[in-house]
Amino acid sequence: MNSLRKPVRPDAARPAAGTARFARGAALALACVAWAGTASAAMNFCAAPALQTSERTNSDPGVKALVAEVQSHVNDVPHALPALHTEGTLPHEGIYDQSVEAAKELDLMRNAALAWRATSDERYLRLVDRFLLAWVTTYKPSFNPIDETRFEGLILAYDMTASALPVKTRNATMQFLNAFANGYIAQIDAQKRPLKGTFANNWQSHRVKLIAMIAFTLDNRKMIATAQRLFIEHIGDNIAPDGATLDFGERDALHYVTYDLQPLVTAALAARRHNRNWLPERAANGASLAAALDWLKPYALGDKTHEEFVHSSVPFDAKRREAGLPGYTGAWDPKNAAELYHLAARLDGRYAPVALKLAPTPPAWLAVCLPLPAR
């Protein structure tokens, strides 16, 4: 049966130990619908409960804005691409523009799942179903984490809606996510240690994020253990004991510090929702994600300033500066760290004052997903 089912309780909207059970074969397929509806595995990445009717009327403006944005796309049809590519290219080069436009659908899936979670309106669930199925049956992973980092939107959409989706969509998405994460794991584990180059810089932060999000979404214990191993290894490869990142040394830019840390904070949030605290985890060199956030904090608060990319060793940075792209010359704007610190505040409340100074409200999706900072 492939019709959409009534929404289940949001915290149960995920398959329990899904990878292991579905891997046993097609014999279980007919039982999936009944089983998933009663599942109560580990929590979703997003914590916000469904709103009651009275709450929807008086809900936060950010919630209303997100729902209204999704509503404007409720009848859209997906335009999934078999490939995305923006890394190393400028606007209007290659498929850059098409990729940027197509990747907006990954965010739309996430937002539609949040809108469904908040309102129980099945039109939003149908939108998620339609776009998920199109993307997981069309896209062919390149295992370039810069091109694919936006797939976090697809992962979150599935995480929130899994057990309410048709069996066809759920199975296709699980197959896609397993292949996606395991492809990245195999790519990393094939490298010589210690990891170097793009397996130690910001690229690896995005690989670790995607692997961790998928591992916790699928509640795959073996994959979770691998994600934690790779997270800690990367902390040691990328972050110095004082909190400075490898990319800051190479790129001379705080832009790349935030680009390093935001995916790692997202990975740590996936772990935290499953009662694992990765924020203070120390690598063999004594480094931690918390130390890196603390290193950036004086710049985010404006106590320190930095001229961006002055001594970058990467030629593409000069190419982007010459093309006039914003942010590749001049002083770093602390507001570029607003989403990073609003995410970090969901790990540790001591980052909330920094986040609120940078932006009085979090991004709309985060306000709905994780409305309250951690204590």
Protein backbone atom coordinates (compact mmCIF):
# COMPACT_ATOMS: atom_id res chain seq x y z
CA MET A 1 0.00 0.00 0.00
CA ASN A 2 1.56 3.27 -1.11
CA SER A 3 -0.98 5.84 0.03
CA LEU A 4 0.16 8.32 2.64
CA ARG A 5 -0.88 7.41 6.13
CA LYS A 6 -2.12 9.62 8.91
CA PRO A 7 0.79 11.37 10.69
CA VAL A 8 2.12 9.52 13.69
CA ARG A 9 3.37 11.14 16.87
CA PRO A 10 6.34 13.27 15.68
CA ASP A 11 8.90 11.76 18.04
CA ALA A 12 7.99 8.37 16.58
CA ALA A 13 8.21 9.53 12.98
CA ARG A 14 11.23 7.37 12.17
CA PRO A 15 11.95 3.67 11.68
CA ALA A 16 13.34 1.81 14.69
CA ALA A 17 16.68 0.18 13.93
CA GLY A 18 15.59 0.54 10.31
CA THR A 19 18.72 -0.51 8.46
CA ALA A 20 19.05 -3.86 10.17
CA ARG A 21 15.39 -4.78 9.87
CA PHE A 22 14.86 -3.79 6.27
CA ALA A 23 18.08 -5.51 5.24
CA ARG A 24 16.53 -8.88 6.10
CA GLY A 25 14.74 -8.82 2.80
CA ALA A 26 11.51 -8.24 1.00
CA ALA A 27 9.64 -10.62 3.28
CA LEU A 28 9.26 -7.82 5.80
CA ALA A 29 8.03 -5.24 3.30
CA LEU A 30 4.36 -5.98 3.81
CA ALA A 31 4.77 -5.60 7.55
CA CYS A 32 6.53 -2.27 7.36
CA VAL A 33 3.48 -0.03 7.56
CA ALA A 34 2.04 -1.60 10.67
CA TRP A 35 5.42 -1.88 12.37
CA ALA A 36 6.57 1.69 11.64
CA GLY A 37 3.43 3.26 12.99
CA THR A 38 4.20 1.98 16.47
CA ALA A 39 7.95 2.50 16.42
CA SER A 40 9.51 4.52 19.20
CA ALA A 41 13.23 4.42 18.51
CA ALA A 42 15.76 7.12 19.31
CA MET A 43 14.57 10.68 18.90
CA ASN A 44 14.52 12.73 15.74
CA PHE A 45 17.13 15.40 15.12
CA CYS A 46 14.33 17.96 15.46
CA ALA A 47 12.71 18.23 18.88
CA ALA A 48 9.72 20.53 18.30
CA PRO A 49 6.36 18.91 19.09
CA ALA A 50 3.30 19.20 16.89
CA LEU A 51 1.30 22.34 17.55
CA GLN A 52 -2.26 22.15 18.78
CA THR A 53 -4.87 24.15 16.87
CA SER A 54 -4.80 27.05 19.34
CA GLU A 55 -1.00 27.11 19.27
CA ARG A 56 -0.93 27.30 15.47
CA THR A 57 -3.02 30.45 15.56
CA ASN A 58 -0.68 32.14 18.04
CA SER A 59 2.55 30.48 17.00
CA ASP A 60 5.91 32.16 16.71
CA PRO A 61 6.29 34.43 13.63
CA GLY A 62 9.17 32.24 12.49
CA VAL A 63 6.90 29.19 12.47
CA LYS A 64 4.24 31.07 10.54
CA ALA A 65 6.81 32.32 8.05
CA LEU A 66 8.20 28.84 7.43
CA VAL A 67 4.74 27.32 6.98
CA ALA A 68 3.74 30.16 4.64
CA GLU A 69 6.89 29.64 2.58
CA VAL A 70 6.18 25.92 2.24
CA GLN A 71 2.55 26.64 1.42
CA SER A 72 3.68 28.70 -1.58
CA HIS A 73 5.38 25.57 -2.97
CA VAL A 74 2.77 23.00 -1.97
CA ASN A 75 1.96 22.06 -5.58
CA ASP A 76 5.51 22.24 -6.93
CA VAL A 77 6.94 19.34 -8.87
CA PRO A 78 10.54 18.25 -8.23
CA HIS A 79 13.32 18.89 -10.70
CA ALA A 80 15.85 16.45 -9.32
CA LEU A 81 19.22 16.33 -11.03
CA PRO A 82 21.52 13.31 -11.36
CA ALA A 83 24.48 15.49 -10.34
CA LEU A 84 25.24 18.74 -8.51
CA HIS A 85 28.49 20.65 -8.87
CA THR A 86 29.50 24.00 -7.39
CA GLU A 87 32.87 23.20 -5.80
CA GLY A 88 35.75 25.05 -7.40
CA THR A 89 33.54 26.94 -9.85
CA LEU A 90 32.17 30.46 -10.07
CA PRO A 91 28.57 31.52 -10.75
CA HIS A 92 27.59 30.88 -14.38
CA GLU A 93 30.38 28.32 -14.86
CA GLY A 94 29.49 24.74 -15.74
CA ILE A 95 26.34 23.59 -13.92
CA TYR A 96 26.89 25.96 -10.98
CA ASP A 97 23.67 27.92 -11.45
CA GLN A 98 21.52 24.83 -12.08
CA SER A 99 23.03 23.14 -9.03
CA VAL A 100 22.34 26.09 -6.74
CA GLU A 101 18.73 26.25 -7.93
CA ALA A 102 18.19 22.49 -7.63
CA ALA A 103 19.70 22.37 -4.13
CA LYS A 104 16.92 24.68 -2.94
CA GLU A 105 14.65 21.64 -3.25
CA LEU A 106 16.69 19.89 -0.54
CA ASP A 107 15.95 22.79 1.82
CA LEU A 108 12.31 22.77 0.74
CA MET A 109 12.00 19.10 1.74
CA ARG A 110 13.33 19.89 5.21
CA ASN A 111 11.01 22.87 5.59
CA ALA A 112 8.00 20.89 4.36
CA ALA A 113 8.75 18.15 6.90
CA LEU A 114 8.92 20.79 9.63
CA ALA A 115 5.66 22.34 8.44
CA TRP A 116 4.01 18.91 8.52
CA ARG A 117 5.41 18.26 11.96
CA ALA A 118 4.01 21.57 13.23
CA THR A 119 0.58 21.39 11.58
CA SER A 120 -0.13 17.74 10.67
CA ASP A 121 -1.28 19.05 7.27
CA GLU A 122 -0.89 16.11 4.89
CA ARG A 123 -0.25 18.37 1.91
CA TYR A 124 3.21 19.02 3.35
CA LEU A 125 3.82 15.32 3.89
CA ARG A 126 2.85 14.67 0.28
CA LEU A 127 5.33 17.32 -0.82
CA VAL A 128 8.10 15.58 1.14
CA ASP A 129 7.13 12.23 -0.35
CA ARG A 130 7.09 13.59 -3.91
CA PHE A 131 10.47 15.31 -3.66
CA LEU A 132 12.21 12.59 -1.66
CA LEU A 133 11.28 9.87 -4.13
CA ALA A 134 12.35 11.98 -7.09
CA TRP A 135 15.73 12.83 -5.63
CA VAL A 136 16.71 9.43 -4.22
CA THR A 137 15.83 7.72 -7.50
CA THR A 138 17.52 10.32 -9.73
CA TYR A 139 20.62 11.61 -7.96
CA LYS A 140 23.91 9.70 -8.32
CA PRO A 141 26.30 10.49 -5.44
CA SER A 142 29.65 11.95 -6.49
CA PHE A 143 31.07 11.76 -2.94
CA ASN A 144 32.25 15.35 -3.25
CA PRO A 145 31.18 16.69 0.16
CA ILE A 146 31.21 20.34 -0.91
CA ASP A 147 28.77 19.60 -3.71
CA GLU A 148 26.67 17.35 -1.48
CA THR A 149 26.64 19.09 1.91
CA ARG A 150 23.15 20.48 1.27
CA PHE A 151 21.81 16.91 1.35
CA GLU A 152 21.46 17.48 5.09
CA GLY A 153 18.04 18.91 4.15
CA LEU A 154 17.00 15.63 2.54
CA ILE A 155 18.30 13.66 5.53
CA LEU A 156 16.35 15.81 8.00
CA ALA A 157 13.20 15.56 5.87
CA TYR A 158 13.38 11.78 5.95
CA ASP A 159 14.26 11.74 9.66
CA MET A 160 11.05 13.58 10.52
CA THR A 161 8.65 11.78 8.19
CA ALA A 162 9.99 8.26 7.72
CA SER A 163 7.28 6.15 9.29
CA ALA A 164 4.50 8.22 7.69
CA LEU A 165 5.87 7.80 4.17
CA PRO A 166 4.74 5.19 1.66
CA VAL A 167 6.78 2.00 1.81
CA LYS A 168 8.16 2.64 -1.70
CA THR A 169 9.57 6.03 -0.72
CA ARG A 170 10.84 4.85 2.64
CA ASN A 171 12.67 1.86 1.21
CA ALA A 172 14.16 3.84 -1.69
CA THR A 173 15.36 6.55 0.70
CA MET A 174 16.88 4.07 3.13
CA GLN A 175 18.71 2.38 0.28
CA PHE A 176 19.97 5.75 -0.98
CA LEU A 177 21.11 6.93 2.47
CA ASN A 178 22.90 3.67 3.23
CA ALA A 179 24.78 3.82 -0.07
CA PHE A 180 25.51 7.52 0.44
CA ALA A 181 27.00 7.14 3.94
CA ASN A 182 28.82 3.88 3.23
CA GLY A 183 30.35 5.39 0.10
CA TYR A 184 31.80 8.23 2.13
CA ILE A 185 33.00 5.85 4.85
CA ALA A 186 34.75 3.64 2.30
CA GLN A 187 36.34 6.71 0.69
CA ILE A 188 37.75 7.90 4.03
CA ASP A 189 38.89 4.50 5.27
CA ALA A 190 40.79 3.91 2.02
CA GLN A 191 43.10 6.85 2.81
CA LYS A 192 46.50 6.54 4.42
CA ARG A 193 46.84 7.81 7.98
CA PRO A 194 47.40 10.45 9.12
CA LEU A 195 44.77 11.99 6.88
CA LYS A 196 45.90 14.97 4.84
CA GLY A 197 44.65 17.45 2.24
CA THR A 198 40.90 17.42 1.68
CA PHE A 199 40.62 14.52 4.14
CA ALA A 200 41.81 16.79 6.94
CA ASN A 201 40.35 20.17 5.97
CA ASN A 202 36.80 21.50 5.73
CA TRP A 203 35.85 18.84 3.17
CA GLN A 204 36.18 16.21 5.89
CA SER A 205 33.96 18.24 8.24
CA HIS A 206 31.18 17.95 5.66
CA ARG A 207 31.81 14.23 5.12
CA VAL A 208 31.61 13.61 8.85
CA LYS A 209 28.38 15.62 9.09
CA LEU A 210 26.66 13.62 6.35
CA ILE A 211 27.80 10.27 7.77
CA ALA A 212 26.74 11.17 11.31
CA MET A 213 23.34 12.52 10.31
CA ILE A 214 22.58 9.41 8.28
CA ALA A 215 23.88 7.07 10.98
CA PHE A 216 21.61 8.55 13.64
CA THR A 217 18.66 8.90 11.26
CA LEU A 218 18.85 5.21 10.38
CA ASP A 219 19.72 4.31 14.00
CA ASN A 220 22.46 2.09 12.60
CA ARG A 221 24.68 1.21 15.57
CA LYS A 222 27.69 0.15 13.51
CA MET A 223 27.49 3.34 11.42
CA ILE A 224 27.07 5.46 14.57
CA ALA A 225 30.27 3.98 16.01
CA THR A 226 32.06 4.75 12.74
CA ALA A 227 30.71 8.30 12.72
CA GLN A 228 31.98 8.88 16.24
CA ARG A 229 35.40 7.46 15.36
CA LEU A 230 35.67 9.70 12.29
CA PHE A 231 34.43 12.74 14.21
CA ILE A 232 37.10 12.41 16.90
CA GLU A 233 39.80 11.64 14.33
CA HIS A 234 38.87 14.75 12.37
CA ILE A 235 38.89 16.94 15.47
CA GLY A 236 42.51 15.91 15.96
CA ASP A 237 43.42 16.39 12.29
CA ASN A 238 41.68 19.75 11.83
CA ILE A 239 41.74 21.51 15.22
CA ALA A 240 44.80 22.50 17.25
CA PRO A 241 44.74 22.28 21.05
CA ASP A 242 44.20 26.07 21.23
CA GLY A 243 41.12 25.76 18.98
CA ALA A 244 42.58 27.13 15.71
CA THR A 245 41.56 25.16 12.62
CA LEU A 246 43.72 23.81 9.83
CA ASP A 247 41.73 25.81 7.29
CA PHE A 248 42.41 29.09 9.08
CA GLY A 249 46.12 28.44 8.62
CA GLU A 250 45.70 27.53 4.95
CA ARG A 251 43.09 30.10 3.93
CA ASP A 252 43.74 32.95 6.38
CA ALA A 253 39.99 33.39 6.60
CA LEU A 254 37.37 33.12 9.33
CA HIS A 255 34.95 32.25 6.53
CA TYR A 256 36.58 28.83 6.49
CA VAL A 257 36.57 28.51 10.26
CA THR A 258 32.77 28.73 10.24
CA TYR A 259 32.68 26.42 7.22
CA ASP A 260 34.77 23.91 9.18
CA LEU A 261 32.80 24.12 12.40
CA GLN A 262 29.17 24.36 11.32
CA PRO A 263 29.01 20.83 9.89
CA LEU A 264 30.77 19.49 12.99
CA VAL A 265 28.27 21.23 15.25
CA THR A 266 25.45 19.75 13.15
CA ALA A 267 26.98 16.28 13.54
CA ALA A 268 27.27 16.85 17.28
CA LEU A 269 23.61 17.89 17.42
CA ALA A 270 22.59 14.63 15.77
CA ALA A 271 24.59 12.81 18.45
CA ARG A 272 23.19 14.94 21.29
CA ARG A 273 19.63 14.08 20.31
CA HIS A 274 20.69 10.45 20.84
CA ASN A 275 22.21 11.18 24.26
CA ARG A 276 25.82 11.41 23.13
CA ASN A 277 27.81 14.55 23.92
CA TRP A 278 30.45 15.15 21.26
CA LEU A 279 31.05 18.85 22.07
CA PRO A 280 33.78 18.28 24.72
CA GLU A 281 35.17 15.07 23.14
CA ARG A 282 38.95 15.37 22.95
CA ALA A 283 41.15 14.01 20.22
CA ALA A 284 44.58 12.54 20.90
CA ASN A 285 46.14 16.02 20.60
CA GLY A 286 43.77 17.44 23.22
CA ALA A 287 41.65 19.39 20.73
CA SER A 288 37.86 19.62 20.94
CA LEU A 289 34.97 21.19 19.06
CA ALA A 290 34.25 23.31 22.14
CA ALA A 291 37.78 24.74 22.02
CA ALA A 292 37.34 25.70 18.37
CA LEU A 293 34.04 27.49 19.08
CA ASP A 294 35.72 29.30 21.96
CA TRP A 295 38.64 30.27 19.69
CA LEU A 296 36.24 31.91 17.21
CA LYS A 297 34.13 33.56 19.90
CA PRO A 298 36.17 36.81 20.30
CA TYR A 299 35.90 37.40 16.55
CA ALA A 300 32.16 36.69 16.61
CA LEU A 301 31.71 39.19 19.46
CA GLY A 302 33.76 41.83 17.65
CA ASP A 303 36.53 41.88 20.26
CA LYS A 304 38.95 40.83 17.49
CA THR A 305 38.84 41.56 13.76
CA HIS A 306 40.37 39.83 10.77
CA GLU A 307 41.09 40.79 7.16
CA GLU A 308 39.97 37.86 5.05
CA PHE A 309 42.09 35.75 2.67
CA VAL A 310 45.11 38.09 2.72
CA HIS A 311 47.60 35.22 2.98
CA SER A 312 45.53 32.35 1.55
CA SER A 313 47.60 29.61 -0.10
CA VAL A 314 44.68 28.53 -2.30
CA PRO A 315 44.55 30.11 -5.81
CA PHE A 316 40.76 29.75 -6.06
CA ASP A 317 40.37 32.25 -3.22
CA ALA A 318 42.13 34.89 -5.33
CA LYS A 319 39.97 33.94 -8.31
CA ARG A 320 36.80 34.52 -6.28
CA ARG A 321 38.16 37.81 -4.97
CA GLU A 322 38.94 38.96 -8.51
CA ALA A 323 35.42 37.95 -9.59
CA GLY A 324 34.04 40.31 -6.94
CA LEU A 325 32.29 37.67 -4.87
CA PRO A 326 31.33 39.10 -1.47
CA GLY A 327 33.31 38.01 1.58
CA TYR A 328 36.59 37.27 -0.18
CA THR A 329 38.23 40.57 0.71
CA GLY A 330 38.02 43.04 3.58
CA ALA A 331 37.14 42.48 7.21
CA TRP A 332 35.21 39.38 8.22
CA ASP A 333 31.58 40.09 9.13
CA PRO A 334 30.75 38.36 12.45
CA LYS A 335 27.14 37.92 11.32
CA ASN A 336 28.41 35.15 9.06
CA ALA A 337 28.74 33.05 12.23
CA ALA A 338 25.14 33.62 13.36
CA GLU A 339 23.76 30.25 12.25
CA LEU A 340 26.84 28.46 13.59
CA TYR A 341 26.35 29.89 17.08
CA HIS A 342 22.57 29.42 17.06
CA LEU A 343 23.27 25.75 16.29
CA ALA A 344 25.99 25.64 18.96
CA ALA A 345 23.56 27.14 21.48
CA ARG A 346 21.44 23.99 21.01
CA LEU A 347 24.47 22.04 22.25
CA ASP A 348 25.46 24.36 25.10
CA GLY A 349 23.51 27.35 26.37
CA ARG A 350 26.69 29.35 26.99
CA TYR A 351 26.79 30.05 23.26
CA ALA A 352 23.29 31.58 23.30
CA PRO A 353 24.47 35.15 24.14
CA VAL A 354 26.87 35.06 21.19
CA ALA A 355 24.13 33.78 18.88
CA LEU A 356 21.64 36.40 20.02
CA LYS A 357 24.15 39.21 19.56
CA LEU A 358 24.77 38.07 15.99
CA ALA A 359 21.08 37.58 15.17
CA PRO A 360 18.13 38.11 17.53
CA THR A 361 16.33 35.10 16.08
CA PRO A 362 17.68 31.85 14.64
CA PRO A 363 17.02 30.84 11.02
CA ALA A 364 13.34 29.94 10.60
CA TRP A 365 14.02 26.23 10.07
CA LEU A 366 16.06 26.01 13.27
CA ALA A 367 13.47 27.96 15.26
CA VAL A 368 10.95 25.26 14.35
CA CYS A 369 13.35 22.30 14.54
CA LEU A 370 15.06 23.07 17.87
CA PRO A 371 13.22 26.06 19.33
CA LEU A 372 15.07 26.30 22.65
CA PRO A 373 18.80 26.65 23.39
CA ALA A 374 20.38 24.05 25.62
CA ARG A 375 20.77 24.86 29.30
